PDB file of N, CA and C in Angstrom:
ATOM      1  N   ASP A   1      20.558   6.831   0.769  1.00  0.00           N
ATOM      2  CA  ASP A   1      20.129   5.962  -0.395  1.00  0.00           C
ATOM      3  C   ASP A   1      20.530   4.274   0.130  1.00  0.00           C
ATOM      4  N   GLU A   2      21.586   4.267   0.962  1.00  0.00           N
ATOM      5  CA  GLU A   2      21.731   3.388   1.416  1.00  0.00           C
ATOM      6  C   GLU A   2      20.951   2.577   2.862  1.00  0.00           C
ATOM      7  N   LEU A   3      20.521   3.851   3.953  1.00  0.00           N
ATOM      8  CA  LEU A   3      19.199   3.592   4.323  1.00  0.00           C
ATOM      9  C   LEU A   3      18.168   3.342   3.717  1.00  0.00           C
ATOM     10  N   TRP A   4      17.118   3.614   2.797  1.00  0.00           N
ATOM     11  CA  TRP A   4      16.176   3.587   1.980  1.00  0.00           C
ATOM     12  C   TRP A   4      16.672   1.996   1.662  1.00  0.00           C
ATOM     13  N   ASP A   5      17.394   1.597   1.355  1.00  0.00           N
ATOM     14  CA  ASP A   5      18.012   0.246   0.180  1.00  0.00           C
ATOM     15  C   ASP A   5      17.529  -0.392   2.200  1.00  0.00           C
ATOM     16  N   THR A   6      17.952  -0.266   2.884  1.00  0.00           N
ATOM     17  CA  THR A   6      17.475  -1.290   4.213  1.00  0.00           C
ATOM     18  C   THR A   6      15.737  -1.258   4.654  1.00  0.00           C
ATOM     19  N   TRP A   7      15.715   0.082   4.504  1.00  0.00           N
ATOM     20  CA  TRP A   7      13.562  -0.101   4.671  1.00  0.00           C
ATOM     21  C   TRP A   7      13.084  -0.596   3.764  1.00  0.00           C
ATOM     22  N   ASP A   8      13.594  -0.614   2.466  1.00  0.00           N
ATOM     23  CA  ASP A   8      12.836  -1.112   1.153  1.00  0.00           C
ATOM     24  C   ASP A   8      12.918  -2.655   1.286  1.00  0.00           C
ATOM     25  N   ASP A   9      14.117  -3.271   1.875  1.00  0.00           N
ATOM     26  CA  ASP A   9      13.809  -4.706   2.140  1.00  0.00           C
ATOM     27  C   ASP A   9      13.102  -4.879   3.223  1.00  0.00           C
ATOM     28  N   SER A  10      13.246  -4.326   4.398  1.00  0.00           N
ATOM     29  CA  SER A  10      12.679  -4.674   5.358  1.00  0.00           C
ATOM     30  C   SER A  10      10.733  -4.070   5.197  1.00  0.00           C
ATOM     31  N   VAL A  11      10.301  -3.522   4.131  1.00  0.00           N
ATOM     32  CA  VAL A  11       9.072  -3.396   4.013  1.00  0.00           C
ATOM     33  C   VAL A  11       8.692  -4.307   3.148  1.00  0.00           C
ATOM     34  N   ARG A  12       9.957  -4.311   1.564  1.00  0.00           N
ATOM     35  CA  ARG A  12       8.903  -5.845   1.107  1.00  0.00           C
ATOM     36  C   ARG A  12       8.784  -7.107   1.856  1.00  0.00           C
ATOM     37  N   VAL A  13      10.152  -7.349   2.901  1.00  0.00           N
ATOM     38  CA  VAL A  13       9.823  -8.959   3.313  1.00  0.00           C
ATOM     39  C   VAL A  13       8.406  -9.030   4.297  1.00  0.00           C
ATOM     40  N   ALA A  14       8.113  -7.307   5.033  1.00  0.00           N
ATOM     41  CA  ALA A  14       6.580  -7.218   5.709  1.00  0.00           C
ATOM     42  C   ALA A  14       5.515  -7.401   4.984  1.00  0.00           C
ATOM     43  N   LEU A  15       5.469  -7.328   3.406  1.00  0.00           N
ATOM     44  CA  LEU A  15       4.643  -7.339   2.729  1.00  0.00           C
ATOM     45  C   LEU A  15       4.466  -8.576   2.414  1.00  0.00           C
ATOM     46  N   THR A  16       5.561  -9.360   2.090  1.00  0.00           N
ATOM     47  CA  THR A  16       5.239 -10.949   1.608  1.00  0.00           C
ATOM     48  C   THR A  16       5.163 -11.279   2.684  1.00  0.00           C
ATOM     49  N   THR A  17       4.769 -11.296   4.059  1.00  0.00           N
ATOM     50  CA  THR A  17       4.720 -12.436   4.655  1.00  0.00           C
ATOM     51  C   THR A  17       3.600 -12.914   4.725  1.00  0.00           C
ATOM     52  N   ASN A  18       2.322 -12.701   4.303  1.00  0.00           N
ATOM     53  CA  ASN A  18       1.117 -13.053   4.128  1.00  0.00           C
ATOM     54  C   ASN A  18       0.659 -13.393   5.737  1.00  0.00           C
ATOM     55  N   HIS A  19       1.125 -12.143   6.639  1.00  0.00           N
ATOM     56  CA  HIS A  19       0.820 -12.190   8.164  1.00  0.00           C
ATOM     57  C   HIS A  19      -0.352 -10.695   8.178  1.00  0.00           C
ATOM     58  N   PRO A  20      -1.611 -10.857   8.662  1.00  0.00           N
ATOM     59  CA  PRO A  20      -2.430  -9.578   7.945  1.00  0.00           C
ATOM     60  C   PRO A  20      -1.886  -8.461   8.950  1.00  0.00           C
ATOM     61  N   ASP A  21      -1.551  -8.591  10.318  1.00  0.00           N
ATOM     62  CA  ASP A  21      -0.785  -7.242  11.049  1.00  0.00           C
ATOM     63  C   ASP A  21       0.648  -7.032  10.767  1.00  0.00           C
ATOM     64  N   ILE A  22       1.591  -7.673  10.102  1.00  0.00           N
ATOM     65  CA  ILE A  22       2.454  -7.178   9.978  1.00  0.00           C
ATOM     66  C   ILE A  22       2.493  -6.460   8.228  1.00  0.00           C
ATOM     67  N   ILE A  23       1.760  -7.281   7.499  1.00  0.00           N
ATOM     68  CA  ILE A  23       1.315  -6.215   6.145  1.00  0.00           C
ATOM     69  C   ILE A  23       0.686  -5.172   6.503  1.00  0.00           C
ATOM     70  N   LEU A  24      -0.205  -4.792   7.270  1.00  0.00           N
ATOM     71  CA  LEU A  24      -1.257  -3.799   8.164  1.00  0.00           C
ATOM     72  C   LEU A  24      -0.103  -2.697   8.418  1.00  0.00           C
ATOM     73  N   ALA A  25       1.117  -3.485   9.066  1.00  0.00           N
ATOM     74  CA  ALA A  25       1.863  -2.412   9.909  1.00  0.00           C
ATOM     75  C   ALA A  25       2.695  -1.699   8.878  1.00  0.00           C
ATOM     76  N   ALA A  26       3.113  -2.761   7.549  1.00  0.00           N
ATOM     77  CA  ALA A  26       3.983  -1.892   6.634  1.00  0.00           C
ATOM     78  C   ALA A  26       3.250  -1.132   5.889  1.00  0.00           C
ATOM     79  N   LEU A  27       1.388  -1.293   5.534  1.00  0.00           N
ATOM     80  CA  LEU A  27       1.053  -0.547   4.896  1.00  0.00           C
ATOM     81  C   LEU A  27       1.154   0.987   5.936  1.00  0.00           C
ATOM     82  N   THR A  28       0.917   1.008   7.117  1.00  0.00           N
ATOM     83  CA  THR A  28       1.075   1.902   7.793  1.00  0.00           C
ATOM     84  C   THR A  28       2.341   3.011   7.652  1.00  0.00           C
ATOM     85  N   PHE A  29       3.206   1.869   7.761  1.00  0.00           N
ATOM     86  CA  PHE A  29       4.807   2.907   7.440  1.00  0.00           C
ATOM     87  C   PHE A  29       4.683   3.228   5.790  1.00  0.00           C
ATOM     88  N   LEU A  30       4.359   3.127   4.834  1.00  0.00           N
ATOM     89  CA  LEU A  30       4.264   3.614   3.935  1.00  0.00           C
ATOM     90  C   LEU A  30       3.410   4.621   3.660  1.00  0.00           C
ATOM     91  N   LYS A  31       1.863   4.521   4.397  1.00  0.00           N
ATOM     92  CA  LYS A  31       1.511   5.752   4.609  1.00  0.00           C
ATOM     93  C   LYS A  31       2.022   7.031   5.059  1.00  0.00           C
ATOM     94  N   GLU A  32       2.538   6.423   6.579  1.00  0.00           N
ATOM     95  CA  GLU A  32       3.456   7.698   6.941  1.00  0.00           C
ATOM     96  C   GLU A  32       4.534   8.251   6.557  1.00  0.00           C
ATOM     97  N   LEU A  33       5.049   7.400   5.505  1.00  0.00           N
ATOM     98  CA  LEU A  33       6.723   7.634   5.302  1.00  0.00           C
ATOM     99  C   LEU A  33       6.204   8.845   4.005  1.00  0.00           C
ATOM    100  N   THR A  34       5.111   8.443   3.202  1.00  0.00           N
ATOM    101  CA  THR A  34       4.370   9.265   2.180  1.00  0.00           C
ATOM    102  C   THR A  34       4.721  10.478   2.697  1.00  0.00           C
ATOM    103  N   LEU A  35       3.319  10.460   4.093  1.00  0.00           N
ATOM    104  CA  LEU A  35       2.837  11.979   4.073  1.00  0.00           C
ATOM    105  C   LEU A  35       4.148  12.684   5.035  1.00  0.00           C
ATOM    106  N   CYS A  36       4.808  12.333   5.765  1.00  0.00           N
ATOM    107  CA  CYS A  36       6.107  12.805   6.131  1.00  0.00           C
ATOM    108  C   CYS A  36       7.083  14.355   6.181  1.00  0.00           C
ATOM    109  N   ASN A  37       6.863  14.327   4.644  1.00  0.00           N
ATOM    110  CA  ASN A  37       7.545  15.542   4.252  1.00  0.00           C
ATOM    111  C   ASN A  37       7.188  15.884   2.953  1.00  0.00           C
ATOM    112  N   TYR A  38       7.179  16.765   2.309  1.00  0.00           N
ATOM    113  CA  TYR A  38       6.637  17.209   0.987  1.00  0.00           C
ATOM    114  C   TYR A  38       8.013  16.490   0.018  1.00  0.00           C
ATOM    115  N   GLY A  39       7.901  15.802  -1.077  1.00  0.00           N
ATOM    116  CA  GLY A  39       9.091  15.010  -2.206  1.00  0.00           C
ATOM    117  C   GLY A  39       8.999  13.897  -1.950  1.00  0.00           C
ATOM    118  N   VAL A  40       8.256  13.501  -0.693  1.00  0.00           N
ATOM    119  CA  VAL A  40       8.897  11.540   0.018  1.00  0.00           C
ATOM    120  C   VAL A  40       8.088  10.536  -1.130  1.00  0.00           C
ATOM    121  N   GLY A  41       6.928  11.139  -1.683  1.00  0.00           N
ATOM    122  CA  GLY A  41       6.187  10.564  -2.490  1.00  0.00           C
ATOM    123  C   GLY A  41       6.909   9.969  -3.592  1.00  0.00           C
ATOM    124  N   GLU A  42       6.758  11.469  -3.866  1.00  0.00           N
ATOM    125  CA  GLU A  42       7.963  11.486  -5.583  1.00  0.00           C
ATOM    126  C   GLU A  42       9.013  10.551  -5.480  1.00  0.00           C
ATOM    127  N   ALA A  43       9.881  10.593  -4.521  1.00  0.00           N
ATOM    128  CA  ALA A  43      11.119   9.481  -4.338  1.00  0.00           C
ATOM    129  C   ALA A  43      10.689   8.208  -3.852  1.00  0.00           C
ATOM    130  N   LEU A  44       9.211   7.893  -3.310  1.00  0.00           N
ATOM    131  CA  LEU A  44       9.167   6.244  -3.413  1.00  0.00           C
ATOM    132  C   LEU A  44       8.742   6.184  -4.930  1.00  0.00           C
ATOM    133  N   VAL A  45       8.373   6.715  -5.733  1.00  0.00           N
ATOM    134  CA  VAL A  45       7.796   5.786  -7.180  1.00  0.00           C
ATOM    135  C   VAL A  45       9.031   4.904  -7.945  1.00  0.00           C
ATOM    136  N   PRO A  46       9.860   5.412  -7.850  1.00  0.00           N
ATOM    137  CA  PRO A  46      10.706   4.380  -8.223  1.00  0.00           C
ATOM    138  C   PRO A  46      10.643   2.848  -7.281  1.00  0.00           C
ATOM    139  N   TYR A  47      10.549   2.822  -6.485  1.00  0.00           N
ATOM    140  CA  TYR A  47      10.330   1.619  -5.630  1.00  0.00           C
ATOM    141  C   TYR A  47       8.825   1.142  -5.546  1.00  0.00           C
ATOM    142  N   TYR A  48       8.084   1.295  -6.571  1.00  0.00           N
ATOM    143  CA  TYR A  48       6.958   0.816  -6.433  1.00  0.00           C
ATOM    144  C   TYR A  48       6.763  -0.236  -6.977  1.00  0.00           C
ATOM    145  N   ARG A  49       7.578  -0.894  -7.721  1.00  0.00           N
ATOM    146  CA  ARG A  49       7.435  -2.531  -8.757  1.00  0.00           C
ATOM    147  C   ARG A  49       8.151  -3.215  -7.691  1.00  0.00           C
ATOM    148  N   GLN A  50       8.783  -3.013  -6.973  1.00  0.00           N
ATOM    149  CA  GLN A  50       9.309  -3.666  -5.509  1.00  0.00           C
ATOM    150  C   GLN A  50       8.308  -4.059  -4.439  1.00  0.00           C
ATOM    151  N   LEU A  51       7.521  -2.754  -3.917  1.00  0.00           N
ATOM    152  CA  LEU A  51       6.694  -2.494  -3.371  1.00  0.00           C
ATOM    153  C   LEU A  51       5.118  -2.848  -3.436  1.00  0.00           C
ATOM    154  N   LEU A  52       4.548  -2.743  -4.553  1.00  0.00           N
ATOM    155  CA  LEU A  52       2.972  -2.955  -4.647  1.00  0.00           C
ATOM    156  C   LEU A  52       2.905  -3.912  -5.093  1.00  0.00           C
ATOM    157  N   SER A  53       3.859  -5.360  -5.566  1.00  0.00           N
ATOM    158  CA  SER A  53       3.945  -6.126  -6.576  1.00  0.00           C
ATOM    159  C   SER A  53       2.973  -7.489  -5.512  1.00  0.00           C
ATOM    160  N   VAL A  54       2.893  -7.520  -4.523  1.00  0.00           N
ATOM    161  CA  VAL A  54       2.033  -8.196  -3.368  1.00  0.00           C
ATOM    162  C   VAL A  54       0.807  -7.663  -3.374  1.00  0.00           C
ATOM    163  N   LEU A  55       0.375  -6.346  -3.354  1.00  0.00           N
ATOM    164  CA  LEU A  55      -1.000  -5.780  -2.961  1.00  0.00           C
ATOM    165  C   LEU A  55      -1.759  -6.288  -3.589  1.00  0.00           C
ATOM    166  N   ASN A  56      -1.223  -6.468  -4.985  1.00  0.00           N
ATOM    167  CA  ASN A  56      -2.178  -7.275  -5.920  1.00  0.00           C
ATOM    168  C   ASN A  56      -3.242  -8.528  -5.379  1.00  0.00           C
ATOM    169  N   LEU A  57      -2.563  -9.381  -4.544  1.00  0.00           N
ATOM    170  CA  LEU A  57      -2.721 -10.125  -4.017  1.00  0.00           C
ATOM    171  C   LEU A  57      -4.207 -10.079  -2.773  1.00  0.00           C
ATOM    172  N   PHE A  58      -3.878  -8.822  -2.087  1.00  0.00           N
ATOM    173  CA  PHE A  58      -4.872  -9.069  -0.967  1.00  0.00           C
ATOM    174  C   PHE A  58      -5.651  -7.880  -1.398  1.00  0.00           C
ATOM    175  N   LEU A  59      -5.529  -7.498  -2.474  1.00  0.00           N
ATOM    176  CA  LEU A  59      -7.301  -5.964  -2.670  1.00  0.00           C
ATOM    177  C   LEU A  59      -8.101  -6.696  -2.781  1.00  0.00           C
ATOM    178  N   THR A  60      -8.635  -7.951  -3.687  1.00  0.00           N
ATOM    179  CA  THR A  60      -9.352  -8.510  -3.437  1.00  0.00           C
ATOM    180  C   THR A  60      -9.891  -9.379  -2.804  1.00  0.00           C
ATOM    181  N   LYS A  61      -9.270  -9.850  -1.753  1.00  0.00           N
ATOM    182  CA  LYS A  61      -9.250 -10.604  -0.780  1.00  0.00           C
ATOM    183  C   LYS A  61     -10.110 -10.038   0.398  1.00  0.00           C
ATOM    184  N   ARG A  62     -11.599 -10.544   0.338  1.00  0.00           N
ATOM    185  CA  ARG A  62     -12.853  -9.894   1.235  1.00  0.00           C
ATOM    186  C   ARG A  62     -13.232 -11.437   2.199  1.00  0.00           C
ATOM    187  N   THR A  63     -13.715 -10.650   3.802  1.00  0.00           N
ATOM    188  CA  THR A  63     -14.033 -11.603   4.290  1.00  0.00           C
ATOM    189  C   THR A  63     -15.269 -11.546   3.584  1.00  0.00           C
ATOM    190  N   ASN A  64     -15.951 -13.458   3.666  1.00  0.00           N
ATOM    191  CA  ASN A  64     -17.599 -13.353   3.803  1.00  0.00           C
ATOM    192  C   ASN A  64     -18.104 -13.854   4.840  1.00  0.00           C
ATOM    193  N   ILE A  65     -19.030 -13.299   5.593  1.00  0.00           N
ATOM    194  CA  ILE A  65     -19.086 -13.818   6.639  1.00  0.00           C
ATOM    195  C   ILE A  65     -20.846 -13.718   7.210  1.00  0.00           C
ATOM    196  N   GLY A  66     -20.990 -14.018   5.300  1.00  0.00           N
ATOM    197  CA  GLY A  66     -22.743 -13.504   5.483  1.00  0.00           C
ATOM    198  C   GLY A  66     -23.333 -12.652   5.606  1.00  0.00           C
ATOM    199  N   ASP A  67     -24.468 -12.857   6.800  1.00  0.00           N
ATOM    200  CA  ASP A  67     -24.889 -11.529   7.414  1.00  0.00           C
ATOM    201  C   ASP A  67     -24.609 -10.655   8.748  1.00  0.00           C
ATOM    202  N   ALA A  68     -23.414 -11.863   8.965  1.00  0.00           N
ATOM    203  CA  ALA A  68     -22.824 -10.946  10.119  1.00  0.00           C
ATOM    204  C   ALA A  68     -22.590  -9.750   9.900  1.00  0.00           C
ATOM    205  N   ILE A  69     -22.128  -8.882  10.844  1.00  0.00           N
ATOM    206  CA  ILE A  69     -21.194  -7.435  10.759  1.00  0.00           C
ATOM    207  C   ILE A  69     -19.364  -7.799  11.338  1.00  0.00           C
ATOM    208  N   ASP A  70     -18.741  -6.902  10.034  1.00  0.00           N
ATOM    209  CA  ASP A  70     -17.508  -7.017  10.198  1.00  0.00           C
ATOM    210  C   ASP A  70     -17.036  -6.009  10.497  1.00  0.00           C
ATOM    211  N   TYR A  71     -16.510  -5.654  12.052  1.00  0.00           N
ATOM    212  CA  TYR A  71     -16.398  -4.207  12.106  1.00  0.00           C
ATOM    213  C   TYR A  71     -14.416  -4.065  12.218  1.00  0.00           C
ATOM    214  N   SER A  72     -13.953  -4.578  11.016  1.00  0.00           N
ATOM    215  CA  SER A  72     -12.816  -4.742  10.810  1.00  0.00           C
ATOM    216  C   SER A  72     -12.259  -3.446  10.144  1.00  0.00           C
ATOM    217  N   GLN A  73     -13.381  -2.675   9.102  1.00  0.00           N
ATOM    218  CA  GLN A  73     -13.149  -1.782   8.561  1.00  0.00           C
ATOM    219  C   GLN A  73     -12.646  -0.227   9.670  1.00  0.00           C
ATOM    220  N   PHE A  74     -14.018  -0.625  10.571  1.00  0.00           N
ATOM    221  CA  PHE A  74     -13.934   0.316  11.617  1.00  0.00           C
ATOM    222  C   PHE A  74     -12.572   0.493  12.376  1.00  0.00           C
ATOM    223  N   LYS A  75     -12.158  -0.472  12.741  1.00  0.00           N
ATOM    224  CA  LYS A  75     -10.606  -1.223  13.771  1.00  0.00           C
ATOM    225  C   LYS A  75      -9.770  -0.521  12.951  1.00  0.00           C
ATOM    226  N   GLY A  76      -9.512  -0.279  11.419  1.00  0.00           N
ATOM    227  CA  GLY A  76      -8.358  -0.097  10.384  1.00  0.00           C
ATOM    228  C   GLY A  76      -8.069  -1.718  10.368  1.00  0.00           C
ATOM    229  N   ASN A  77      -8.229  -2.921  10.530  1.00  0.00           N
ATOM    230  CA  ASN A  77      -7.853  -4.161  10.166  1.00  0.00           C
ATOM    231  C   ASN A  77      -8.606  -4.504   8.952  1.00  0.00           C
ATOM    232  N   ASP A  78      -8.915  -4.056   8.460  1.00  0.00           N
ATOM    233  CA  ASP A  78      -9.589  -4.264   6.795  1.00  0.00           C
ATOM    234  C   ASP A  78      -8.702  -4.545   6.100  1.00  0.00           C
ATOM    235  N   MET A  79      -7.956  -5.569   5.130  1.00  0.00           N
ATOM    236  CA  MET A  79      -6.880  -5.556   4.306  1.00  0.00           C
ATOM    237  C   MET A  79      -6.959  -4.893   3.032  1.00  0.00           C
ATOM    238  N   SER A  80      -8.498  -4.929   2.419  1.00  0.00           N
ATOM    239  CA  SER A  80      -8.285  -3.747   0.854  1.00  0.00           C
ATOM    240  C   SER A  80      -8.700  -2.771   1.032  1.00  0.00           C
ATOM    241  N   THR A  81      -9.192  -2.322   2.260  1.00  0.00           N
ATOM    242  CA  THR A  81      -9.775  -1.006   2.300  1.00  0.00           C
ATOM    243  C   THR A  81      -7.909   0.299   2.944  1.00  0.00           C
ATOM    244  N   ALA A  82      -7.301  -1.070   3.840  1.00  0.00           N
ATOM    245  CA  ALA A  82      -5.541  -0.325   3.953  1.00  0.00           C
ATOM    246  C   ALA A  82      -4.866  -0.348   3.072  1.00  0.00           C
ATOM    247  N   ILE A  83      -5.011  -1.175   1.981  1.00  0.00           N
ATOM    248  CA  ILE A  83      -4.439  -1.038   0.394  1.00  0.00           C
ATOM    249  C   ILE A  83      -4.769   0.272   0.144  1.00  0.00           C
ATOM    250  N   MET A  84      -6.236   0.223  -0.383  1.00  0.00           N
ATOM    251  CA  MET A  84      -6.736   1.434  -1.632  1.00  0.00           C
ATOM    252  C   MET A  84      -5.958   2.403  -0.376  1.00  0.00           C
ATOM    253  N   GLU A  85      -6.137   2.723   1.175  1.00  0.00           N
ATOM    254  CA  GLU A  85      -6.140   4.054   1.077  1.00  0.00           C
ATOM    255  C   GLU A  85      -4.162   4.509   1.146  1.00  0.00           C
ATOM    256  N   THR A  86      -3.846   3.226   1.061  1.00  0.00           N
ATOM    257  CA  THR A  86      -2.036   3.851   0.700  1.00  0.00           C
ATOM    258  C   THR A  86      -2.214   3.820  -0.590  1.00  0.00           C
ATOM    259  N   LEU A  87      -2.555   3.239  -1.397  1.00  0.00           N
ATOM    260  CA  LEU A  87      -2.698   3.696  -3.265  1.00  0.00           C
ATOM    261  C   LEU A  87      -2.866   4.673  -3.539  1.00  0.00           C
ATOM    262  N   GLU A  88      -3.696   5.242  -2.722  1.00  0.00           N
ATOM    263  CA  GLU A  88      -4.326   6.805  -2.748  1.00  0.00           C
ATOM    264  C   GLU A  88      -3.468   7.420  -2.315  1.00  0.00           C
ATOM    265  N   ILE A  89      -2.883   7.487  -1.113  1.00  0.00           N
ATOM    266  CA  ILE A  89      -1.855   8.149  -0.727  1.00  0.00           C
ATOM    267  C   ILE A  89      -0.897   8.440  -1.577  1.00  0.00           C
ATOM    268  N   LEU A  90      -0.580   7.144  -2.091  1.00  0.00           N
ATOM    269  CA  LEU A  90       0.924   6.827  -2.971  1.00  0.00           C
ATOM    270  C   LEU A  90       0.471   7.631  -4.338  1.00  0.00           C
ATOM    271  N   GLU A  91      -0.359   7.908  -4.947  1.00  0.00           N
ATOM    272  CA  GLU A  91      -0.415   8.667  -6.285  1.00  0.00           C
ATOM    273  C   GLU A  91      -0.978  10.275  -6.239  1.00  0.00           C
ATOM    274  N   LYS A  92      -1.646  10.625  -4.976  1.00  0.00           N
ATOM    275  CA  LYS A  92      -1.770  11.966  -4.461  1.00  0.00           C
ATOM    276  C   LYS A  92      -0.416  12.352  -4.322  1.00  0.00           C
ATOM    277  N   ASN A  93       0.301  11.995  -3.576  1.00  0.00           N
ATOM    278  CA  ASN A  93       1.877  12.826  -3.076  1.00  0.00           C
ATOM    279  C   ASN A  93       2.932  11.899  -4.328  1.00  0.00           C
ATOM    280  N   GLY A  94       2.959  11.194  -4.808  1.00  0.00           N
ATOM    281  CA  GLY A  94       3.747  10.796  -5.900  1.00  0.00           C
ATOM    282  C   GLY A  94       4.471  11.434  -6.973  1.00  0.00           C
ATOM    283  N   GLY A  95       3.483  12.218  -7.393  1.00  0.00           N
ATOM    284  CA  GLY A  95       4.006  12.830  -8.709  1.00  0.00           C
ATOM    285  C   GLY A  95       3.352  12.417  -9.819  1.00  0.00           C
ATOM    286  N   PRO A  96       3.483  13.233 -11.439  1.00  0.00           N
ATOM    287  CA  PRO A  96       2.762  12.847 -12.723  1.00  0.00           C
ATOM    288  C   PRO A  96       2.746  11.071 -12.999  1.00  0.00           C
ATOM    289  N   ASN A  97       3.802  10.265 -12.543  1.00  0.00           N
ATOM    290  CA  ASN A  97       4.103   9.281 -12.873  1.00  0.00           C
ATOM    291  C   ASN A  97       3.589   8.173 -11.870  1.00  0.00           C
ATOM    292  N   ALA A  98       2.541   8.351 -10.592  1.00  0.00           N
ATOM    293  CA  ALA A  98       2.991   7.669  -9.311  1.00  0.00           C
ATOM    294  C   ALA A  98       1.399   6.928 -10.554  1.00  0.00           C
ATOM    295  N   PHE A  99       0.453   7.237 -11.070  1.00  0.00           N
ATOM    296  CA  PHE A  99      -0.955   6.518 -10.892  1.00  0.00           C
ATOM    297  C   PHE A  99      -0.131   5.178 -12.169  1.00  0.00           C
ATOM    298  N   ILE A 100       0.571   5.631 -13.364  1.00  0.00           N
ATOM    299  CA  ILE A 100       0.445   4.790 -14.389  1.00  0.00           C
ATOM    300  C   ILE A 100       1.292   3.508 -13.454  1.00  0.00           C
ATOM    301  N   ASN A 101       2.847   3.843 -12.652  1.00  0.00           N
ATOM    302  CA  ASN A 101       3.511   3.133 -12.174  1.00  0.00           C
ATOM    303  C   ASN A 101       2.300   2.273 -10.948  1.00  0.00           C
ATOM    304  N   ILE A 102       1.452   2.532 -10.749  1.00  0.00           N
ATOM    305  CA  ILE A 102       0.521   2.105  -9.948  1.00  0.00           C
ATOM    306  C   ILE A 102      -0.235   1.022 -10.323  1.00  0.00           C
ATOM    307  N   LYS A 103      -1.090   1.652 -11.870  1.00  0.00           N
ATOM    308  CA  LYS A 103      -1.977   0.978 -12.574  1.00  0.00           C
ATOM    309  C   LYS A 103      -1.275  -0.547 -12.809  1.00  0.00           C
ATOM    310  N   TYR A 104       0.459  -0.338 -13.438  1.00  0.00           N
ATOM    311  CA  TYR A 104       1.056  -1.329 -13.729  1.00  0.00           C
ATOM    312  C   TYR A 104       1.329  -2.003 -12.710  1.00  0.00           C
ATOM    313  N   MET A 105       1.331  -2.304 -11.529  1.00  0.00           N
ATOM    314  CA  MET A 105       1.718  -2.974 -10.820  1.00  0.00           C
ATOM    315  C   MET A 105       0.072  -3.702  -9.976  1.00  0.00           C
ATOM    316  N   VAL A 106      -1.380  -2.866  -9.820  1.00  0.00           N
ATOM    317  CA  VAL A 106      -2.162  -3.150  -9.439  1.00  0.00           C
ATOM    318  C   VAL A 106      -3.557  -2.936 -10.812  1.00  0.00           C
ATOM    319  N   PRO A 107      -3.796  -3.458 -11.318  1.00  0.00           N
ATOM    320  CA  PRO A 107      -4.052  -3.476 -12.994  1.00  0.00           C
ATOM    321  C   PRO A 107      -5.868  -3.240 -12.291  1.00  0.00           C
ATOM    322  N   THR A 108      -5.785  -3.479 -11.578  1.00  0.00           N
ATOM    323  CA  THR A 108      -7.758  -2.867 -11.576  1.00  0.00           C
ATOM    324  C   THR A 108      -7.621  -1.600 -10.323  1.00  0.00           C
ATOM    325  N   TYR A 109      -6.858  -1.213  -9.638  1.00  0.00           N
ATOM    326  CA  TYR A 109      -7.042  -0.115  -9.400  1.00  0.00           C
ATOM    327  C   TYR A 109      -7.420   1.149 -10.195  1.00  0.00           C
ATOM    328  N   GLU A 110      -8.329   2.240  -9.620  1.00  0.00           N
ATOM    329  CA  GLU A 110      -8.830   2.947 -10.197  1.00  0.00           C
ATOM    330  C   GLU A 110      -8.298   4.116  -9.386  1.00  0.00           C
ATOM    331  N   SER A 111      -8.020   5.538 -10.508  1.00  0.00           N
ATOM    332  CA  SER A 111      -7.185   6.924  -9.734  1.00  0.00           C
ATOM    333  C   SER A 111      -7.841   7.311  -9.139  1.00  0.00           C
ATOM    334  N   CYS A 112      -8.058   7.663  -8.049  1.00  0.00           N
ATOM    335  CA  CYS A 112      -8.835   8.994  -6.743  1.00  0.00           C
ATOM    336  C   CYS A 112      -9.192  10.560  -7.292  1.00  0.00           C
ATOM    337  N   ARG A 113      -8.436  10.481  -8.033  1.00  0.00           N
ATOM    338  CA  ARG A 113      -8.515  12.171  -8.812  1.00  0.00           C
ATOM    339  C   ARG A 113      -9.694  12.201  -9.684  1.00  0.00           C
TER     340      ARG A 113
END
């Protein structure tokens, strides 16, 4: 539990930096942590309120580039796509209460099931 408290603080700080590369790294960490072993996703559900509070701000942040082509989705650098992927992984692996907790923190999220 003490180890998770350290990770929780680090991930929370990373998500609140407003620096896209750091936020993307934190999202990648959450995805990999959730998928690393059975039961980890459910163990993260109590921490959703701390971890997901800032994602609502970036979920709707889109780059308006007009007619140009944005390759950030292809490169894996698109913030809203990375957030949606993370939320879907958290929902799929978080057990029966995951969706309710995600929806509470990110009201615009729609279930992937």
